[in-house]
PDB file of N, CA and C in Angstrom:
ATOM      1  N   UNK A   1       0.848  -1.165   0.000  1.00  0.00           N
ATOM      2  CA  UNK A   1       0.000   0.000   0.000  1.00  0.00           C
ATOM      3  C   UNK A   1       0.897   1.232   0.000  1.00  0.00           C
ATOM      4  N   UNK A   2       0.566   2.189  -0.826  1.00  0.00           N
ATOM      5  CA  UNK A   2       1.363   3.414  -0.851  1.00  0.00           C
ATOM      6  C   UNK A   2       0.879   4.390   0.226  1.00  0.00           C
ATOM      7  N   UNK A   3       1.634   5.452   0.433  1.00  0.00           N
ATOM      8  CA  UNK A   3       1.325   6.396   1.509  1.00  0.00           C
ATOM      9  C   UNK A   3       0.004   7.121   1.270  1.00  0.00           C
ATOM     10  N   UNK A   4      -0.324   7.387   0.017  1.00  0.00           N
ATOM     11  CA  UNK A   4      -1.591   8.055  -0.292  1.00  0.00           C
ATOM     12  C   UNK A   4      -2.779   7.180   0.131  1.00  0.00           C
ATOM     13  N   UNK A   5      -2.705   5.903  -0.200  1.00  0.00           N
ATOM     14  CA  UNK A   5      -3.776   4.963   0.171  1.00  0.00           C
ATOM     15  C   UNK A   5      -3.855   4.804   1.688  1.00  0.00           C
ATOM     16  N   UNK A   6      -2.705   4.734   2.344  1.00  0.00           N
ATOM     17  CA  UNK A   6      -2.664   4.619   3.801  1.00  0.00           C
ATOM     18  C   UNK A   6      -3.350   5.823   4.443  1.00  0.00           C
ATOM     19  N   UNK A   7      -2.979   7.011   4.009  1.00  0.00           N
ATOM     20  CA  UNK A   7      -3.557   8.233   4.583  1.00  0.00           C
ATOM     21  C   UNK A   7      -5.055   8.333   4.303  1.00  0.00           C
ATOM     22  N   UNK A   8      -5.473   7.859   3.150  1.00  0.00           N
ATOM     23  CA  UNK A   8      -6.891   7.833   2.818  1.00  0.00           C
ATOM     24  C   UNK A   8      -7.657   6.927   3.793  1.00  0.00           C
ATOM     25  N   UNK A   9      -7.081   5.779   4.086  1.00  0.00           N
ATOM     26  CA  UNK A   9      -7.713   4.863   5.039  1.00  0.00           C
ATOM     27  C   UNK A   9      -7.736   5.445   6.448  1.00  0.00           C
ATOM     28  N   UNK A  10      -6.668   6.115   6.838  1.00  0.00           N
ATOM     29  CA  UNK A  10      -6.639   6.758   8.159  1.00  0.00           C
ATOM     30  C   UNK A  10      -7.766   7.782   8.262  1.00  0.00           C
ATOM     31  N   UNK A  11      -7.959   8.568   7.215  1.00  0.00           N
ATOM     32  CA  UNK A  11      -9.046   9.552   7.228  1.00  0.00           C
ATOM     33  C   UNK A  11     -10.401   8.872   7.368  1.00  0.00           C
ATOM     34  N   UNK A  12     -10.591   7.765   6.663  1.00  0.00           N
ATOM     35  CA  UNK A  12     -11.859   7.037   6.752  1.00  0.00           C
ATOM     36  C   UNK A  12     -12.063   6.458   8.150  1.00  0.00           C
ATOM     37  N   UNK A  13     -10.991   5.967   8.748  1.00  0.00           N
ATOM     38  CA  UNK A  13     -11.062   5.440  10.115  1.00  0.00           C
ATOM     39  C   UNK A  13     -11.441   6.559  11.080  1.00  0.00           C
ATOM     40  N   UNK A  14     -10.782   7.690  10.951  1.00  0.00           N
ATOM     41  CA  UNK A  14     -11.051   8.818  11.849  1.00  0.00           C
ATOM     42  C   UNK A  14     -12.479   9.326  11.715  1.00  0.00           C
ATOM     43  N   UNK A  15     -13.007   9.300  10.487  1.00  0.00           N
ATOM     44  CA  UNK A  15     -14.384   9.759  10.253  1.00  0.00           C
ATOM     45  C   UNK A  15     -15.395   8.639  10.508  1.00  0.00           C
ATOM     46  N   UNK A  16     -14.890   7.431  10.713  1.00  0.00           N
ATOM     47  CA  UNK A  16     -15.714   6.242  10.926  1.00  0.00           C
ATOM     48  C   UNK A  16     -16.707   6.046   9.783  1.00  0.00           C
ATOM     49  N   UNK A  17     -16.167   6.163   8.569  1.00  0.00           N
ATOM     50  CA  UNK A  17     -17.014   6.057   7.390  1.00  0.00           C
ATOM     51  C   UNK A  17     -16.234   5.428   6.236  1.00  0.00           C
ATOM     52  N   UNK A  18     -16.672   4.250   5.812  1.00  0.00           N
ATOM     53  CA  UNK A  18     -16.091   3.624   4.637  1.00  0.00           C
ATOM     54  C   UNK A  18     -14.751   2.938   4.844  1.00  0.00           C
ATOM     55  N   UNK A  19     -14.394   2.682   6.074  1.00  0.00           N
ATOM     56  CA  UNK A  19     -13.089   2.081   6.365  1.00  0.00           C
ATOM     57  C   UNK A  19     -13.142   0.561   6.501  1.00  0.00           C
ATOM     58  N   UNK A  20     -14.295   0.022   6.905  1.00  0.00           N
ATOM     59  CA  UNK A  20     -14.355  -1.373   7.308  1.00  0.00           C
ATOM     60  C   UNK A  20     -13.985  -2.343   6.174  1.00  0.00           C
ATOM     61  N   UNK A  21     -14.619  -2.248   5.051  1.00  0.00           N
ATOM     62  CA  UNK A  21     -14.363  -3.189   3.950  1.00  0.00           C
ATOM     63  C   UNK A  21     -12.904  -3.157   3.475  1.00  0.00           C
ATOM     64  N   UNK A  22     -12.322  -1.970   3.246  1.00  0.00           N
ATOM     65  CA  UNK A  22     -10.910  -1.964   2.820  1.00  0.00           C
ATOM     66  C   UNK A  22      -9.951  -2.558   3.863  1.00  0.00           C
ATOM     67  N   UNK A  23     -10.221  -2.292   5.140  1.00  0.00           N
ATOM     68  CA  UNK A  23      -9.363  -2.842   6.198  1.00  0.00           C
ATOM     69  C   UNK A  23      -9.543  -4.354   6.284  1.00  0.00           C
ATOM     70  N   UNK A  24     -10.773  -4.828   6.166  1.00  0.00           N
ATOM     71  CA  UNK A  24     -11.006  -6.272   6.198  1.00  0.00           C
ATOM     72  C   UNK A  24     -10.315  -6.962   5.029  1.00  0.00           C
ATOM     73  N   UNK A  25     -10.317  -6.333   3.874  1.00  0.00           N
ATOM     74  CA  UNK A  25      -9.627  -6.908   2.720  1.00  0.00           C
ATOM     75  C   UNK A  25      -8.129  -7.025   3.006  1.00  0.00           C
ATOM     76  N   UNK A  26      -7.546  -5.981   3.590  1.00  0.00           N
ATOM     77  CA  UNK A  26      -6.122  -6.033   3.954  1.00  0.00           C
ATOM     78  C   UNK A  26      -5.849  -7.189   4.923  1.00  0.00           C
ATOM     79  N   UNK A  27      -6.702  -7.332   5.920  1.00  0.00           N
ATOM     80  CA  UNK A  27      -6.513  -8.390   6.912  1.00  0.00           C
ATOM     81  C   UNK A  27      -6.680  -9.776   6.284  1.00  0.00           C
ATOM     82  N   UNK A  28      -7.688  -9.937   5.458  1.00  0.00           N
ATOM     83  CA  UNK A  28      -7.909 -11.230   4.814  1.00  0.00           C
ATOM     84  C   UNK A  28      -6.780 -11.568   3.846  1.00  0.00           C
ATOM     85  N   UNK A  29      -6.275 -10.571   3.133  1.00  0.00           N
ATOM     86  CA  UNK A  29      -5.116 -10.790   2.261  1.00  0.00           C
ATOM     87  C   UNK A  29      -3.888 -11.194   3.084  1.00  0.00           C
ATOM     88  N   UNK A  30      -3.753 -10.574   4.261  1.00  0.00           N
ATOM     89  CA  UNK A  30      -2.641 -10.899   5.155  1.00  0.00           C
ATOM     90  C   UNK A  30      -2.732 -12.355   5.611  1.00  0.00           C
ATOM     91  N   UNK A  31      -3.939 -12.797   5.919  1.00  0.00           N
ATOM     92  CA  UNK A  31      -4.151 -14.184   6.332  1.00  0.00           C
ATOM     93  C   UNK A  31      -3.823 -15.182   5.223  1.00  0.00           C
ATOM     94  N   UNK A  32      -3.915 -14.754   3.975  1.00  0.00           N
ATOM     95  CA  UNK A  32      -3.552 -15.629   2.864  1.00  0.00           C
ATOM     96  C   UNK A  32      -2.087 -16.058   2.989  1.00  0.00           C
ATOM     97  N   UNK A  33      -1.221 -15.117   3.362  1.00  0.00           N
ATOM     98  CA  UNK A  33       0.211 -15.398   3.508  1.00  0.00           C
ATOM     99  C   UNK A  33       0.588 -15.846   4.915  1.00  0.00           C
ATOM    100  N   UNK A  34      -0.239 -15.489   5.896  1.00  0.00           N
ATOM    101  CA  UNK A  34       0.064 -15.773   7.305  1.00  0.00           C
ATOM    102  C   UNK A  34      -1.193 -16.334   7.982  1.00  0.00           C
ATOM    103  N   UNK A  35      -1.492 -17.615   7.766  1.00  0.00           N
ATOM    104  CA  UNK A  35      -2.752 -18.206   8.263  1.00  0.00           C
ATOM    105  C   UNK A  35      -2.965 -18.099   9.776  1.00  0.00           C
ATOM    106  N   UNK A  36      -1.904 -17.982  10.543  1.00  0.00           N
ATOM    107  CA  UNK A  36      -2.083 -17.881  11.996  1.00  0.00           C
ATOM    108  C   UNK A  36      -2.006 -16.436  12.491  1.00  0.00           C
ATOM    109  N   UNK A  37      -2.041 -15.484  11.582  1.00  0.00           N
ATOM    110  CA  UNK A  37      -2.004 -14.082  11.989  1.00  0.00           C
ATOM    111  C   UNK A  37      -0.630 -13.453  11.938  1.00  0.00           C
ATOM    112  N   UNK A  38       0.383 -14.229  11.611  1.00  0.00           N
ATOM    113  CA  UNK A  38       1.737 -13.682  11.440  1.00  0.00           C
ATOM    114  C   UNK A  38       2.200 -12.831  12.607  1.00  0.00           C
ATOM    115  N   UNK A  39       2.782 -11.707  12.289  1.00  0.00           N
ATOM    116  CA  UNK A  39       3.308 -10.786  13.307  1.00  0.00           C
ATOM    117  C   UNK A  39       2.203 -10.201  14.175  1.00  0.00           C
ATOM    118  N   UNK A  40       0.964 -10.310  13.702  1.00  0.00           N
ATOM    119  CA  UNK A  40      -0.170  -9.741  14.424  1.00  0.00           C
ATOM    120  C   UNK A  40      -1.004 -10.807  15.129  1.00  0.00           C
ATOM    121  N   UNK A  41      -0.423 -11.963  15.344  1.00  0.00           N
ATOM    122  CA  UNK A  41      -1.155 -13.098  15.912  1.00  0.00           C
ATOM    123  C   UNK A  41      -1.896 -12.735  17.195  1.00  0.00           C
ATOM    124  N   UNK A  42      -1.225 -12.081  18.125  1.00  0.00           N
ATOM    125  CA  UNK A  42      -1.872 -11.801  19.410  1.00  0.00           C
ATOM    126  C   UNK A  42      -3.025 -10.812  19.277  1.00  0.00           C
ATOM    127  N   UNK A  43      -3.036 -10.046  18.205  1.00  0.00           N
ATOM    128  CA  UNK A  43      -4.129  -9.101  17.968  1.00  0.00           C
ATOM    129  C   UNK A  43      -5.219  -9.762  17.131  1.00  0.00           C
ATOM    130  N   UNK A  44      -4.851 -10.232  15.945  1.00  0.00           N
ATOM    131  CA  UNK A  44      -5.846 -10.736  14.998  1.00  0.00           C
ATOM    132  C   UNK A  44      -6.424 -12.092  15.395  1.00  0.00           C
ATOM    133  N   UNK A  45      -5.624 -12.958  15.985  1.00  0.00           N
ATOM    134  CA  UNK A  45      -6.110 -14.287  16.366  1.00  0.00           C
ATOM    135  C   UNK A  45      -6.590 -14.355  17.812  1.00  0.00           C
ATOM    136  N   UNK A  46      -5.858 -13.703  18.707  1.00  0.00           N
ATOM    137  CA  UNK A  46      -6.167 -13.824  20.131  1.00  0.00           C
ATOM    138  C   UNK A  46      -7.053 -12.704  20.673  1.00  0.00           C
ATOM    139  N   UNK A  47      -7.221 -11.630  19.900  1.00  0.00           N
ATOM    140  CA  UNK A  47      -8.116 -10.552  20.325  1.00  0.00           C
ATOM    141  C   UNK A  47      -7.560  -9.614  21.367  1.00  0.00           C
ATOM    142  N   UNK A  48      -6.250  -9.527  21.475  1.00  0.00           N
ATOM    143  CA  UNK A  48      -5.644  -8.541  22.374  1.00  0.00           C
ATOM    144  C   UNK A  48      -5.653  -7.192  21.661  1.00  0.00           C
ATOM    145  N   UNK A  49      -6.661  -6.395  21.937  1.00  0.00           N
ATOM    146  CA  UNK A  49      -6.917  -5.192  21.152  1.00  0.00           C
ATOM    147  C   UNK A  49      -6.480  -3.893  21.818  1.00  0.00           C
ATOM    148  N   UNK A  50      -5.790  -4.009  22.945  1.00  0.00           N
ATOM    149  CA  UNK A  50      -5.282  -2.807  23.597  1.00  0.00           C
ATOM    150  C   UNK A  50      -4.192  -2.178  22.736  1.00  0.00           C
ATOM    151  N   UNK A  51      -4.073  -0.887  22.867  1.00  0.00           N
ATOM    152  CA  UNK A  51      -3.076  -0.140  22.101  1.00  0.00           C
ATOM    153  C   UNK A  51      -1.668  -0.705  22.314  1.00  0.00           C
ATOM    154  N   UNK A  52      -1.354  -1.075  23.544  1.00  0.00           N
ATOM    155  CA  UNK A  52      -0.009  -1.584  23.845  1.00  0.00           C
ATOM    156  C   UNK A  52       0.276  -2.892  23.097  1.00  0.00           C
ATOM    157  N   UNK A  53      -0.733  -3.742  22.945  1.00  0.00           N
ATOM    158  CA  UNK A  53      -0.551  -4.999  22.201  1.00  0.00           C
ATOM    159  C   UNK A  53      -0.314  -4.724  20.730  1.00  0.00           C
ATOM    160  N   UNK A  54      -1.051  -3.768  20.196  1.00  0.00           N
ATOM    161  CA  UNK A  54      -0.890  -3.426  18.777  1.00  0.00           C
ATOM    162  C   UNK A  54       0.464  -2.769  18.543  1.00  0.00           C
ATOM    163  N   UNK A  55       0.892  -1.921  19.462  1.00  0.00           N
ATOM    164  CA  UNK A  55       2.212  -1.294  19.344  1.00  0.00           C
ATOM    165  C   UNK A  55       3.316  -2.349  19.375  1.00  0.00           C
ATOM    166  N   UNK A  56       3.168  -3.341  20.250  1.00  0.00           N
ATOM    167  CA  UNK A  56       4.136  -4.429  20.307  1.00  0.00           C
ATOM    168  C   UNK A  56       4.201  -5.138  18.957  1.00  0.00           C
ATOM    169  N   UNK A  57       3.035  -5.460  18.398  1.00  0.00           N
ATOM    170  CA  UNK A  57       2.979  -6.174  17.118  1.00  0.00           C
ATOM    171  C   UNK A  57       3.547  -5.331  15.977  1.00  0.00           C
ATOM    172  N   UNK A  58       3.299  -4.042  16.028  1.00  0.00           N
ATOM    173  CA  UNK A  58       3.838  -3.161  14.995  1.00  0.00           C
ATOM    174  C   UNK A  58       5.369  -3.189  15.017  1.00  0.00           C
ATOM    175  N   UNK A  59       5.940  -3.113  16.210  1.00  0.00           N
ATOM    176  CA  UNK A  59       7.392  -3.188  16.347  1.00  0.00           C
ATOM    177  C   UNK A  59       7.938  -4.540  15.925  1.00  0.00           C
ATOM    178  N   UNK A  60       7.220  -5.585  16.302  1.00  0.00           N
ATOM    179  CA  UNK A  60       7.627  -6.941  15.928  1.00  0.00           C
ATOM    180  C   UNK A  60       7.607  -7.108  14.409  1.00  0.00           C
ATOM    181  N   UNK A  61       6.534  -6.622  13.776  1.00  0.00           N
ATOM    182  CA  UNK A  61       6.423  -6.698  12.316  1.00  0.00           C
ATOM    183  C   UNK A  61       7.548  -5.915  11.647  1.00  0.00           C
ATOM    184  N   UNK A  62       7.839  -4.759  12.193  1.00  0.00           N
ATOM    185  CA  UNK A  62       8.925  -3.928  11.647  1.00  0.00           C
ATOM    186  C   UNK A  62      10.257  -4.678  11.723  1.00  0.00           C
ATOM    187  N   UNK A  63      10.516  -5.285  12.846  1.00  0.00           N
ATOM    188  CA  UNK A  63      11.759  -6.030  13.036  1.00  0.00           C
ATOM    189  C   UNK A  63      11.874  -7.231  12.115  1.00  0.00           C
ATOM    190  N   UNK A  64      10.743  -7.792  11.733  1.00  0.00           N
ATOM    191  CA  UNK A  64      10.735  -8.946  10.830  1.00  0.00           C
ATOM    192  C   UNK A  64      10.614  -8.517   9.365  1.00  0.00           C
ATOM    193  N   UNK A  65      10.625  -7.201   9.155  1.00  0.00           N
ATOM    194  CA  UNK A  65      10.451  -6.632   7.808  1.00  0.00           C
ATOM    195  C   UNK A  65       9.147  -7.097   7.169  1.00  0.00           C
ATOM    196  N   UNK A  66       8.116  -7.161   8.012  1.00  0.00           N
ATOM    197  CA  UNK A  66       6.766  -7.543   7.603  1.00  0.00           C
ATOM    198  C   UNK A  66       5.987  -6.256   7.343  1.00  0.00           C
ATOM    199  N   UNK A  67       6.160  -5.708   6.147  1.00  0.00           N
ATOM    200  CA  UNK A  67       5.575  -4.412   5.804  1.00  0.00           C
ATOM    201  C   UNK A  67       4.053  -4.441   5.903  1.00  0.00           C
ATOM    202  N   UNK A  68       3.448  -5.494   5.400  1.00  0.00           N
ATOM    203  CA  UNK A  68       1.994  -5.607   5.410  1.00  0.00           C
ATOM    204  C   UNK A  68       1.470  -5.646   6.853  1.00  0.00           C
ATOM    205  N   UNK A  69       2.108  -6.434   7.704  1.00  0.00           N
ATOM    206  CA  UNK A  69       1.706  -6.499   9.101  1.00  0.00           C
ATOM    207  C   UNK A  69       1.881  -5.170   9.809  1.00  0.00           C
ATOM    208  N   UNK A  70       2.976  -4.500   9.515  1.00  0.00           N
ATOM    209  CA  UNK A  70       3.243  -3.197  10.110  1.00  0.00           C
ATOM    210  C   UNK A  70       2.191  -2.171   9.692  1.00  0.00           C
ATOM    211  N   UNK A  71       1.776  -2.206   8.442  1.00  0.00           N
ATOM    212  CA  UNK A  71       0.762  -1.270   7.960  1.00  0.00           C
ATOM    213  C   UNK A  71      -0.593  -1.528   8.617  1.00  0.00           C
ATOM    214  N   UNK A  72      -0.957  -2.788   8.742  1.00  0.00           N
ATOM    215  CA  UNK A  72      -2.236  -3.115   9.391  1.00  0.00           C
ATOM    216  C   UNK A  72      -2.211  -2.658  10.849  1.00  0.00           C
ATOM    217  N   UNK A  73      -1.115  -2.926  11.541  1.00  0.00           N
ATOM    218  CA  UNK A  73      -0.998  -2.494  12.937  1.00  0.00           C
ATOM    219  C   UNK A  73      -1.074  -0.970  13.034  1.00  0.00           C
ATOM    220  N   UNK A  74      -0.399  -0.279  12.143  1.00  0.00           N
ATOM    221  CA  UNK A  74      -0.436   1.190  12.157  1.00  0.00           C
ATOM    222  C   UNK A  74      -1.860   1.702  11.960  1.00  0.00           C
ATOM    223  N   UNK A  75      -2.585   1.082  11.054  1.00  0.00           N
ATOM    224  CA  UNK A  75      -3.983   1.480  10.842  1.00  0.00           C
ATOM    225  C   UNK A  75      -4.811   1.222  12.093  1.00  0.00           C
ATOM    226  N   UNK A  76      -4.572   0.089  12.736  1.00  0.00           N
ATOM    227  CA  UNK A  76      -5.344  -0.255  13.930  1.00  0.00           C
ATOM    228  C   UNK A  76      -5.076   0.714  15.082  1.00  0.00           C
ATOM    229  N   UNK A  77      -3.898   1.303  15.103  1.00  0.00           N
ATOM    230  CA  UNK A  77      -3.596   2.278  16.150  1.00  0.00           C
ATOM    231  C   UNK A  77      -4.425   3.547  15.995  1.00  0.00           C
ATOM    232  N   UNK A  78      -4.901   3.812  14.806  1.00  0.00           N
ATOM    233  CA  UNK A  78      -5.773   4.958  14.579  1.00  0.00           C
ATOM    234  C   UNK A  78      -7.219   4.665  14.972  1.00  0.00           C
ATOM    235  N   UNK A  79      -7.545   3.408  15.155  1.00  0.00           N
ATOM    236  CA  UNK A  79      -8.925   3.010  15.428  1.00  0.00           C
ATOM    237  C   UNK A  79      -9.283   3.175  16.898  1.00  0.00           C
ATOM    238  N   UNK A  80     -10.573   3.337  17.117  1.00  0.00           N
ATOM    239  CA  UNK A  80     -11.076   3.285  18.484  1.00  0.00           C
ATOM    240  C   UNK A  80     -11.106   1.803  18.899  1.00  0.00           C
ATOM    241  N   UNK A  81     -11.295   1.576  20.171  1.00  0.00           N
ATOM    242  CA  UNK A  81     -11.372   0.197  20.642  1.00  0.00           C
ATOM    243  C   UNK A  81     -12.547  -0.532  19.991  1.00  0.00           C
ATOM    244  N   UNK A  82     -13.668   0.156  19.831  1.00  0.00           N
ATOM    245  CA  UNK A  82     -14.848  -0.457  19.213  1.00  0.00           C
ATOM    246  C   UNK A  82     -14.581  -0.808  17.747  1.00  0.00           C
ATOM    247  N   UNK A  83     -13.852   0.034  17.048  1.00  0.00           N
ATOM    248  CA  UNK A  83     -13.503  -0.279  15.663  1.00  0.00           C
ATOM    249  C   UNK A  83     -12.608  -1.517  15.608  1.00  0.00           C
ATOM    250  N   UNK A  84     -11.669  -1.605  16.528  1.00  0.00           N
ATOM    251  CA  UNK A  84     -10.799  -2.793  16.581  1.00  0.00           C
ATOM    252  C   UNK A  84     -11.613  -4.046  16.853  1.00  0.00           C
ATOM    253  N   UNK A  85     -12.575  -3.945  17.745  1.00  0.00           N
ATOM    254  CA  UNK A  85     -13.452  -5.085  18.036  1.00  0.00           C
ATOM    255  C   UNK A  85     -14.212  -5.511  16.782  1.00  0.00           C
ATOM    256  N   UNK A  86     -14.648  -4.550  16.021  1.00  0.00           N
ATOM    257  CA  UNK A  86     -15.383  -4.867  14.794  1.00  0.00           C
ATOM    258  C   UNK A  86     -14.496  -5.631  13.813  1.00  0.00           C
ATOM    259  N   UNK A  87     -13.241  -5.232  13.695  1.00  0.00           N
ATOM    260  CA  UNK A  87     -12.306  -5.948  12.822  1.00  0.00           C
ATOM    261  C   UNK A  87     -12.114  -7.376  13.331  1.00  0.00           C
ATOM    262  N   UNK A  88     -11.861  -7.510  14.624  1.00  0.00           N
ATOM    263  CA  UNK A  88     -11.653  -8.840  15.199  1.00  0.00           C
ATOM    264  C   UNK A  88     -12.856  -9.737  14.970  1.00  0.00           C
ATOM    265  N   UNK A  89     -14.041  -9.218  15.238  1.00  0.00           N
ATOM    266  CA  UNK A  89     -15.267 -10.011  15.030  1.00  0.00           C
ATOM    267  C   UNK A  89     -15.472 -10.345  13.554  1.00  0.00           C
ATOM    268  N   UNK A  90     -15.076  -9.437  12.674  1.00  0.00           N
ATOM    269  CA  UNK A  90     -15.205  -9.692  11.248  1.00  0.00           C
ATOM    270  C   UNK A  90     -14.303 -10.800  10.753  1.00  0.00           C
ATOM    271  N   UNK A  91     -13.240 -11.049  11.487  1.00  0.00           N
ATOM    272  CA  UNK A  91     -12.297 -12.109  11.104  1.00  0.00           C
ATOM    273  C   UNK A  91     -12.674 -13.461  11.705  1.00  0.00           C
ATOM    274  N   UNK A  92     -13.545 -13.457  12.725  1.00  0.00           N
ATOM    275  CA  UNK A  92     -13.868 -14.701  13.423  1.00  0.00           C
ATOM    276  C   UNK A  92     -15.320 -14.997  13.456  1.00  0.00           C
TER     277      UNK A  92
END
């Protein structure tokens, strides 16, 4: 994802309008390559949705050069807790 697309999604997340489907597509595409949730396992699979858990996963993804995981985590940091719950429920 390029920076323009990332910023567009952040705006949609902040406005809480039109963000869900594009974010779910990113997550589902991520699962194609990482069936157990990859660098975001504790968030996407286990439901640890606190900011600190997502920050940990973002750093972990960065260290593993997992660009896709890092981008998803960065987007999730812009979300409210309820938005994160919606993503988690949409995956399970």
